[in-house]
Amino acid sequence: MQIFQTHQFKKRIKKLSPALKNIVDEAIMMIQKEPALGERQAGGLAEAFVYKLPFTKEQVLLAYTSAHNKLTLLTLGRVKV
């Protein structure tokens, strides 16, 4: 499976700590094996999935699409729990 990154994803991944980057890398490998792992979004974002990564006192959301043996990493976001 080919993995592509949007410009927004590249900008956000650069700002992460090394520990969080490792967690995101592991999540990407899991998603690569099982693309339907995240929650499918509704409405206009119906083709996108969001995978939730727990990290200390916050949750990191990884948005991606998967189609035709191609994984596109859209963006990362943080949510305090």
PDB file of N, CA and C in Angstrom:
ATOM      1  N   MET A   1       0.842  -1.182   0.000  1.00  0.00           N
ATOM      2  CA  MET A   1       0.000   0.000   0.000  1.00  0.00           C
ATOM      3  C   MET A   1       0.885   1.242   0.000  1.00  0.00           C
ATOM      4  N   GLN A   2       0.590   2.164  -0.899  1.00  0.00           N
ATOM      5  CA  GLN A   2       1.331   3.418  -0.968  1.00  0.00           C
ATOM      6  C   GLN A   2       0.774   4.398   0.065  1.00  0.00           C
ATOM      7  N   ILE A   3       1.662   5.179   0.681  1.00  0.00           N
ATOM      8  CA  ILE A   3       1.245   6.169   1.672  1.00  0.00           C
ATOM      9  C   ILE A   3       1.613   7.556   1.161  1.00  0.00           C
ATOM     10  N   PHE A   4       0.613   8.446   1.164  1.00  0.00           N
ATOM     11  CA  PHE A   4       0.807   9.833   0.750  1.00  0.00           C
ATOM     12  C   PHE A   4       0.472  10.746   1.924  1.00  0.00           C
ATOM     13  N   GLN A   5       1.129  11.900   1.981  1.00  0.00           N
ATOM     14  CA  GLN A   5       0.889  12.870   3.042  1.00  0.00           C
ATOM     15  C   GLN A   5       0.496  14.198   2.423  1.00  0.00           C
ATOM     16  N   THR A   6      -0.555  14.827   2.984  1.00  0.00           N
ATOM     17  CA  THR A   6      -0.909  16.168   2.532  1.00  0.00           C
ATOM     18  C   THR A   6       0.080  17.166   3.131  1.00  0.00           C
ATOM     19  N   HIS A   7       0.103  18.358   2.569  1.00  0.00           N
ATOM     20  CA  HIS A   7       0.981  19.406   3.074  1.00  0.00           C
ATOM     21  C   HIS A   7       0.652  19.716   4.536  1.00  0.00           C
ATOM     22  N   GLN A   8      -0.615  19.752   4.863  1.00  0.00           N
ATOM     23  CA  GLN A   8      -1.044  20.052   6.229  1.00  0.00           C
ATOM     24  C   GLN A   8      -0.541  18.973   7.205  1.00  0.00           C
ATOM     25  N   PHE A   9      -0.613  17.713   6.813  1.00  0.00           N
ATOM     26  CA  PHE A   9      -0.121  16.633   7.663  1.00  0.00           C
ATOM     27  C   PHE A   9       1.384  16.784   7.885  1.00  0.00           C
ATOM     28  N   LYS A  10       2.123  17.071   6.842  1.00  0.00           N
ATOM     29  CA  LYS A  10       3.577  17.225   6.951  1.00  0.00           C
ATOM     30  C   LYS A  10       3.950  18.356   7.920  1.00  0.00           C
ATOM     31  N   LYS A  11       3.216  19.457   7.848  1.00  0.00           N
ATOM     32  CA  LYS A  11       3.483  20.585   8.741  1.00  0.00           C
ATOM     33  C   LYS A  11       3.225  20.204  10.194  1.00  0.00           C
ATOM     34  N   ARG A  12       2.144  19.498  10.442  1.00  0.00           N
ATOM     35  CA  ARG A  12       1.774  19.152  11.823  1.00  0.00           C
ATOM     36  C   ARG A  12       2.658  18.064  12.415  1.00  0.00           C
ATOM     37  N   ILE A  13       3.099  17.114  11.602  1.00  0.00           N
ATOM     38  CA  ILE A  13       3.935  16.031  12.127  1.00  0.00           C
ATOM     39  C   ILE A  13       5.302  16.563  12.537  1.00  0.00           C
ATOM     40  N   LYS A  14       5.784  17.606  11.868  1.00  0.00           N
ATOM     41  CA  LYS A  14       7.075  18.213  12.210  1.00  0.00           C
ATOM     42  C   LYS A  14       7.075  18.798  13.616  1.00  0.00           C
ATOM     43  N   LYS A  15       5.927  19.264  14.077  1.00  0.00           N
ATOM     44  CA  LYS A  15       5.827  19.955  15.365  1.00  0.00           C
ATOM     45  C   LYS A  15       5.652  19.007  16.545  1.00  0.00           C
ATOM     46  N   LEU A  16       5.517  17.711  16.291  1.00  0.00           N
ATOM     47  CA  LEU A  16       5.282  16.755  17.372  1.00  0.00           C
ATOM     48  C   LEU A  16       6.578  16.365  18.083  1.00  0.00           C
ATOM     49  N   SER A  17       6.426  15.964  19.335  1.00  0.00           N
ATOM     50  CA  SER A  17       7.570  15.464  20.098  1.00  0.00           C
ATOM     51  C   SER A  17       7.980  14.098  19.532  1.00  0.00           C
ATOM     52  N   PRO A  18       9.218  13.697  19.756  1.00  0.00           N
ATOM     53  CA  PRO A  18       9.659  12.387  19.257  1.00  0.00           C
ATOM     54  C   PRO A  18       8.799  11.226  19.780  1.00  0.00           C
ATOM     55  N   ALA A  19       8.372  11.297  21.043  1.00  0.00           N
ATOM     56  CA  ALA A  19       7.545  10.225  21.613  1.00  0.00           C
ATOM     57  C   ALA A  19       6.207  10.124  20.884  1.00  0.00           C
ATOM     58  N   LEU A  20       5.607  11.265  20.609  1.00  0.00           N
ATOM     59  CA  LEU A  20       4.319  11.270  19.916  1.00  0.00           C
ATOM     60  C   LEU A  20       4.480  10.858  18.456  1.00  0.00           C
ATOM     61  N   LYS A  21       5.583  11.238  17.831  1.00  0.00           N
ATOM     62  CA  LYS A  21       5.845  10.809  16.450  1.00  0.00           C
ATOM     63  C   LYS A  21       5.913   9.291  16.363  1.00  0.00           C
ATOM     64  N   ASN A  22       6.536   8.653  17.366  1.00  0.00           N
ATOM     65  CA  ASN A  22       6.614   7.189  17.378  1.00  0.00           C
ATOM     66  C   ASN A  22       5.228   6.571  17.478  1.00  0.00           C
ATOM     67  N   ILE A  23       4.370   7.146  18.311  1.00  0.00           N
ATOM     68  CA  ILE A  23       3.005   6.639  18.456  1.00  0.00           C
ATOM     69  C   ILE A  23       2.238   6.796  17.148  1.00  0.00           C
ATOM     70  N   VAL A  24       2.402   7.939  16.494  1.00  0.00           N
ATOM     71  CA  VAL A  24       1.729   8.175  15.213  1.00  0.00           C
ATOM     72  C   VAL A  24       2.247   7.196  14.163  1.00  0.00           C
ATOM     73  N   ASP A  25       3.557   6.952  14.129  1.00  0.00           N
ATOM     74  CA  ASP A  25       4.132   5.995  13.172  1.00  0.00           C
ATOM     75  C   ASP A  25       3.563   4.592  13.375  1.00  0.00           C
ATOM     76  N   GLU A  26       3.429   4.186  14.640  1.00  0.00           N
ATOM     77  CA  GLU A  26       2.847   2.871  14.926  1.00  0.00           C
ATOM     78  C   GLU A  26       1.395   2.804  14.462  1.00  0.00           C
ATOM     79  N   ALA A  27       0.658   3.892  14.688  1.00  0.00           N
ATOM     80  CA  ALA A  27      -0.745   3.937  14.262  1.00  0.00           C
ATOM     81  C   ALA A  27      -0.849   3.857  12.745  1.00  0.00           C
ATOM     82  N   ILE A  28       0.042   4.519  12.042  1.00  0.00           N
ATOM     83  CA  ILE A  28       0.029   4.484  10.575  1.00  0.00           C
ATOM     84  C   ILE A  28       0.281   3.063  10.075  1.00  0.00           C
ATOM     85  N   MET A  29       1.196   2.351  10.727  1.00  0.00           N
ATOM     86  CA  MET A  29       1.465   0.957  10.327  1.00  0.00           C
ATOM     87  C   MET A  29       0.235   0.079  10.571  1.00  0.00           C
ATOM     88  N   MET A  30      -0.476   0.318  11.686  1.00  0.00           N
ATOM     89  CA  MET A  30      -1.694  -0.447  11.966  1.00  0.00           C
ATOM     90  C   MET A  30      -2.775  -0.130  10.939  1.00  0.00           C
ATOM     91  N   ILE A  31      -2.922   1.149  10.594  1.00  0.00           N
ATOM     92  CA  ILE A  31      -3.923   1.567   9.607  1.00  0.00           C
ATOM     93  C   ILE A  31      -3.585   0.994   8.236  1.00  0.00           C
ATOM     94  N   GLN A  32      -2.304   0.929   7.926  1.00  0.00           N
ATOM     95  CA  GLN A  32      -1.870   0.379   6.647  1.00  0.00           C
ATOM     96  C   GLN A  32      -2.306  -1.084   6.516  1.00  0.00           C
ATOM     97  N   LYS A  33      -2.256  -1.828   7.616  1.00  0.00           N
ATOM     98  CA  LYS A  33      -2.669  -3.231   7.603  1.00  0.00           C
ATOM     99  C   LYS A  33      -4.186  -3.376   7.586  1.00  0.00           C
ATOM    100  N   GLU A  34      -4.892  -2.479   8.292  1.00  0.00           N
ATOM    101  CA  GLU A  34      -6.351  -2.540   8.414  1.00  0.00           C
ATOM    102  C   GLU A  34      -6.930  -1.137   8.206  1.00  0.00           C
ATOM    103  N   PRO A  35      -7.160  -0.711   6.945  1.00  0.00           N
ATOM    104  CA  PRO A  35      -7.590   0.653   6.640  1.00  0.00           C
ATOM    105  C   PRO A  35      -8.909   1.086   7.292  1.00  0.00           C
ATOM    106  N   ALA A  36      -9.779   0.158   7.620  1.00  0.00           N
ATOM    107  CA  ALA A  36     -11.067   0.525   8.216  1.00  0.00           C
ATOM    108  C   ALA A  36     -10.985   0.619   9.738  1.00  0.00           C
ATOM    109  N   LEU A  37      -9.789   0.746  10.287  1.00  0.00           N
ATOM    110  CA  LEU A  37      -9.576   0.784  11.725  1.00  0.00           C
ATOM    111  C   LEU A  37     -10.199   2.019  12.378  1.00  0.00           C
ATOM    112  N   GLY A  38     -10.162   3.154  11.705  1.00  0.00           N
ATOM    113  CA  GLY A  38     -10.715   4.389  12.261  1.00  0.00           C
ATOM    114  C   GLY A  38     -12.219   4.484  12.086  1.00  0.00           C
ATOM    115  N   GLU A  39     -12.792   5.565  12.622  1.00  0.00           N
ATOM    116  CA  GLU A  39     -14.223   5.819  12.488  1.00  0.00           C
ATOM    117  C   GLU A  39     -14.488   6.545  11.177  1.00  0.00           C
ATOM    118  N   ARG A  40     -15.453   6.044  10.406  1.00  0.00           N
ATOM    119  CA  ARG A  40     -15.831   6.718   9.159  1.00  0.00           C
ATOM    120  C   ARG A  40     -16.604   7.982   9.504  1.00  0.00           C
ATOM    121  N   GLN A  41     -16.300   9.056   8.823  1.00  0.00           N
ATOM    122  CA  GLN A  41     -16.978  10.322   9.054  1.00  0.00           C
ATOM    123  C   GLN A  41     -18.275  10.390   8.252  1.00  0.00           C
ATOM    124  N   ALA A  42     -19.119  11.339   8.593  1.00  0.00           N
ATOM    125  CA  ALA A  42     -20.429  11.458   7.945  1.00  0.00           C
ATOM    126  C   ALA A  42     -20.487  12.722   7.083  1.00  0.00           C
ATOM    127  N   GLY A  43     -21.499  12.794   6.273  1.00  0.00           N
ATOM    128  CA  GLY A  43     -21.748  13.990   5.457  1.00  0.00           C
ATOM    129  C   GLY A  43     -20.706  14.185   4.376  1.00  0.00           C
ATOM    130  N   GLY A  44     -20.212  15.411   4.259  1.00  0.00           N
ATOM    131  CA  GLY A  44     -19.250  15.758   3.225  1.00  0.00           C
ATOM    132  C   GLY A  44     -17.896  15.092   3.404  1.00  0.00           C
ATOM    133  N   LEU A  45     -17.643  14.570   4.602  1.00  0.00           N
ATOM    134  CA  LEU A  45     -16.370  13.898   4.873  1.00  0.00           C
ATOM    135  C   LEU A  45     -16.522  12.379   4.866  1.00  0.00           C
ATOM    136  N   ALA A  46     -17.515  11.871   4.171  1.00  0.00           N
ATOM    137  CA  ALA A  46     -17.855  10.447   4.213  1.00  0.00           C
ATOM    138  C   ALA A  46     -16.711   9.539   3.760  1.00  0.00           C
ATOM    139  N   GLU A  47     -15.802  10.041   2.947  1.00  0.00           N
ATOM    140  CA  GLU A  47     -14.704   9.184   2.487  1.00  0.00           C
ATOM    141  C   GLU A  47     -13.540   9.169   3.482  1.00  0.00           C
ATOM    142  N   ALA A  48     -13.580  10.031   4.490  1.00  0.00           N
ATOM    143  CA  ALA A  48     -12.487  10.133   5.459  1.00  0.00           C
ATOM    144  C   ALA A  48     -12.741   9.272   6.693  1.00  0.00           C
ATOM    145  N   PHE A  49     -11.651   8.815   7.292  1.00  0.00           N
ATOM    146  CA  PHE A  49     -11.671   8.078   8.547  1.00  0.00           C
ATOM    147  C   PHE A  49     -10.878   8.879   9.575  1.00  0.00           C
ATOM    148  N   VAL A  50     -11.208   8.720  10.855  1.00  0.00           N
ATOM    149  CA  VAL A  50     -10.442   9.332  11.930  1.00  0.00           C
ATOM    150  C   VAL A  50     -10.064   8.243  12.918  1.00  0.00           C
ATOM    151  N   TYR A  51      -8.771   8.159  13.203  1.00  0.00           N
ATOM    152  CA  TYR A  51      -8.263   7.199  14.173  1.00  0.00           C
ATOM    153  C   TYR A  51      -7.831   7.980  15.402  1.00  0.00           C
ATOM    154  N   LYS A  52      -8.291   7.552  16.585  1.00  0.00           N
ATOM    155  CA  LYS A  52      -8.001   8.252  17.836  1.00  0.00           C
ATOM    156  C   LYS A  52      -6.835   7.573  18.551  1.00  0.00           C
ATOM    157  N   LEU A  53      -5.810   8.384  18.867  1.00  0.00           N
ATOM    158  CA  LEU A  53      -4.635   7.887  19.571  1.00  0.00           C
ATOM    159  C   LEU A  53      -4.592   8.495  20.967  1.00  0.00           C
ATOM    160  N   PRO A  54      -4.641   7.687  22.015  1.00  0.00           N
ATOM    161  CA  PRO A  54      -4.522   8.250  23.364  1.00  0.00           C
ATOM    162  C   PRO A  54      -3.076   8.650  23.633  1.00  0.00           C
ATOM    163  N   PHE A  55      -2.885   9.820  24.225  1.00  0.00           N
ATOM    164  CA  PHE A  55      -1.535  10.287  24.551  1.00  0.00           C
ATOM    165  C   PHE A  55      -1.632  11.173  25.784  1.00  0.00           C
ATOM    166  N   THR A  56      -1.072  10.743  26.871  1.00  0.00           N
ATOM    167  CA  THR A  56      -1.108  11.411  28.180  1.00  0.00           C
ATOM    168  C   THR A  56      -2.505  11.950  28.501  1.00  0.00           C
ATOM    169  N   LYS A  57      -2.634  13.275  28.658  1.00  0.00           N
ATOM    170  CA  LYS A  57      -3.920  13.861  29.034  1.00  0.00           C
ATOM    171  C   LYS A  57      -4.696  14.384  27.835  1.00  0.00           C
ATOM    172  N   GLU A  58      -4.296  13.982  26.655  1.00  0.00           N
ATOM    173  CA  GLU A  58      -4.997  14.428  25.460  1.00  0.00           C
ATOM    174  C   GLU A  58      -5.144  13.278  24.473  1.00  0.00           C
ATOM    175  N   GLN A  59      -5.935  13.522  23.473  1.00  0.00           N
ATOM    176  CA  GLN A  59      -6.151  12.521  22.433  1.00  0.00           C
ATOM    177  C   GLN A  59      -5.689  13.141  21.114  1.00  0.00           C
ATOM    178  N   VAL A  60      -4.986  12.378  20.320  1.00  0.00           N
ATOM    179  CA  VAL A  60      -4.530  12.847  19.013  1.00  0.00           C
ATOM    180  C   VAL A  60      -5.407  12.172  17.968  1.00  0.00           C
ATOM    181  N   LEU A  61      -5.964  12.977  17.070  1.00  0.00           N
ATOM    182  CA  LEU A  61      -6.821  12.461  16.013  1.00  0.00           C
ATOM    183  C   LEU A  61      -6.050  12.464  14.699  1.00  0.00           C
ATOM    184  N   LEU A  62      -6.064  11.341  14.018  1.00  0.00           N
ATOM    185  CA  LEU A  62      -5.384  11.188  12.737  1.00  0.00           C
ATOM    186  C   LEU A  62      -6.445  10.978  11.664  1.00  0.00           C
ATOM    187  N   ALA A  63      -6.570  11.929  10.748  1.00  0.00           N
ATOM    188  CA  ALA A  63      -7.557  11.833   9.670  1.00  0.00           C
ATOM    189  C   ALA A  63      -6.865  11.307   8.414  1.00  0.00           C
ATOM    190  N   TYR A  64      -7.543  10.369   7.728  1.00  0.00           N
ATOM    191  CA  TYR A  64      -6.961   9.756   6.535  1.00  0.00           C
ATOM    192  C   TYR A  64      -8.057   9.243   5.608  1.00  0.00           C
ATOM    193  N   THR A  65      -7.669   8.982   4.375  1.00  0.00           N
ATOM    194  CA  THR A  65      -8.546   8.307   3.422  1.00  0.00           C
ATOM    195  C   THR A  65      -7.807   7.081   2.908  1.00  0.00           C
ATOM    196  N   SER A  66      -8.571   6.095   2.479  1.00  0.00           N
ATOM    197  CA  SER A  66      -7.978   4.872   1.955  1.00  0.00           C
ATOM    198  C   SER A  66      -8.811   4.389   0.778  1.00  0.00           C
ATOM    199  N   ALA A  67      -8.158   4.246  -0.368  1.00  0.00           N
ATOM    200  CA  ALA A  67      -8.848   3.757  -1.565  1.00  0.00           C
ATOM    201  C   ALA A  67      -7.816   3.240  -2.563  1.00  0.00           C
ATOM    202  N   HIS A  68      -8.154   2.159  -3.225  1.00  0.00           N
ATOM    203  CA  HIS A  68      -7.345   1.605  -4.317  1.00  0.00           C
ATOM    204  C   HIS A  68      -5.876   1.412  -3.922  1.00  0.00           C
ATOM    205  N   ASN A  69      -5.655   0.765  -2.773  1.00  0.00           N
ATOM    206  CA  ASN A  69      -4.306   0.467  -2.293  1.00  0.00           C
ATOM    207  C   ASN A  69      -3.475   1.733  -2.074  1.00  0.00           C
ATOM    208  N   LYS A  70      -4.144   2.807  -1.676  1.00  0.00           N
ATOM    209  CA  LYS A  70      -3.500   4.100  -1.463  1.00  0.00           C
ATOM    210  C   LYS A  70      -4.014   4.685  -0.147  1.00  0.00           C
ATOM    211  N   LEU A  71      -3.105   5.026   0.763  1.00  0.00           N
ATOM    212  CA  LEU A  71      -3.446   5.628   2.041  1.00  0.00           C
ATOM    213  C   LEU A  71      -2.987   7.079   2.024  1.00  0.00           C
ATOM    214  N   THR A  72      -3.918   8.015   2.209  1.00  0.00           N
ATOM    215  CA  THR A  72      -3.583   9.432   2.221  1.00  0.00           C
ATOM    216  C   THR A  72      -3.801   9.969   3.623  1.00  0.00           C
ATOM    217  N   LEU A  73      -2.727  10.459   4.236  1.00  0.00           N
ATOM    218  CA  LEU A  73      -2.786  11.024   5.578  1.00  0.00           C
ATOM    219  C   LEU A  73      -3.167  12.496   5.441  1.00  0.00           C
ATOM    220  N   LEU A  74      -4.329  12.862   5.963  1.00  0.00           N
ATOM    221  CA  LEU A  74      -4.872  14.203   5.763  1.00  0.00           C
ATOM    222  C   LEU A  74      -4.349  15.218   6.779  1.00  0.00           C
ATOM    223  N   THR A  75      -4.552  14.935   8.072  1.00  0.00           N
ATOM    224  CA  THR A  75      -4.138  15.883   9.094  1.00  0.00           C
ATOM    225  C   THR A  75      -4.100  15.225  10.465  1.00  0.00           C
ATOM    226  N   LEU A  76      -3.522  15.939  11.410  1.00  0.00           N
ATOM    227  CA  LEU A  76      -3.464  15.535  12.808  1.00  0.00           C
ATOM    228  C   LEU A  76      -4.080  16.645  13.640  1.00  0.00           C
ATOM    229  N   GLY A  77      -4.730  16.276  14.724  1.00  0.00           N
ATOM    230  CA  GLY A  77      -5.282  17.275  15.627  1.00  0.00           C
ATOM    231  C   GLY A  77      -5.245  16.756  17.056  1.00  0.00           C
ATOM    232  N   ARG A  78      -5.212  17.676  18.023  1.00  0.00           N
ATOM    233  CA  ARG A  78      -5.189  17.301  19.433  1.00  0.00           C
ATOM    234  C   ARG A  78      -6.466  17.726  20.116  1.00  0.00           C
ATOM    235  N   VAL A  79      -6.942  16.869  21.021  1.00  0.00           N
ATOM    236  CA  VAL A  79      -8.142  17.169  21.799  1.00  0.00           C
ATOM    237  C   VAL A  79      -7.834  16.827  23.248  1.00  0.00           C
ATOM    238  N   LYS A  80      -8.085  17.756  24.157  1.00  0.00           N
ATOM    239  CA  LYS A  80      -7.868  17.445  25.578  1.00  0.00           C
ATOM    240  C   LYS A  80      -9.002  16.589  26.085  1.00  0.00           C
ATOM    241  N   VAL A  81      -8.647  15.567  26.861  1.00  0.00           N
ATOM    242  CA  VAL A  81      -9.656  14.636  27.390  1.00  0.00           C
ATOM    243  C   VAL A  81     -10.155  15.108  28.733  1.00  0.00           C
TER     244      VAL A  81
END
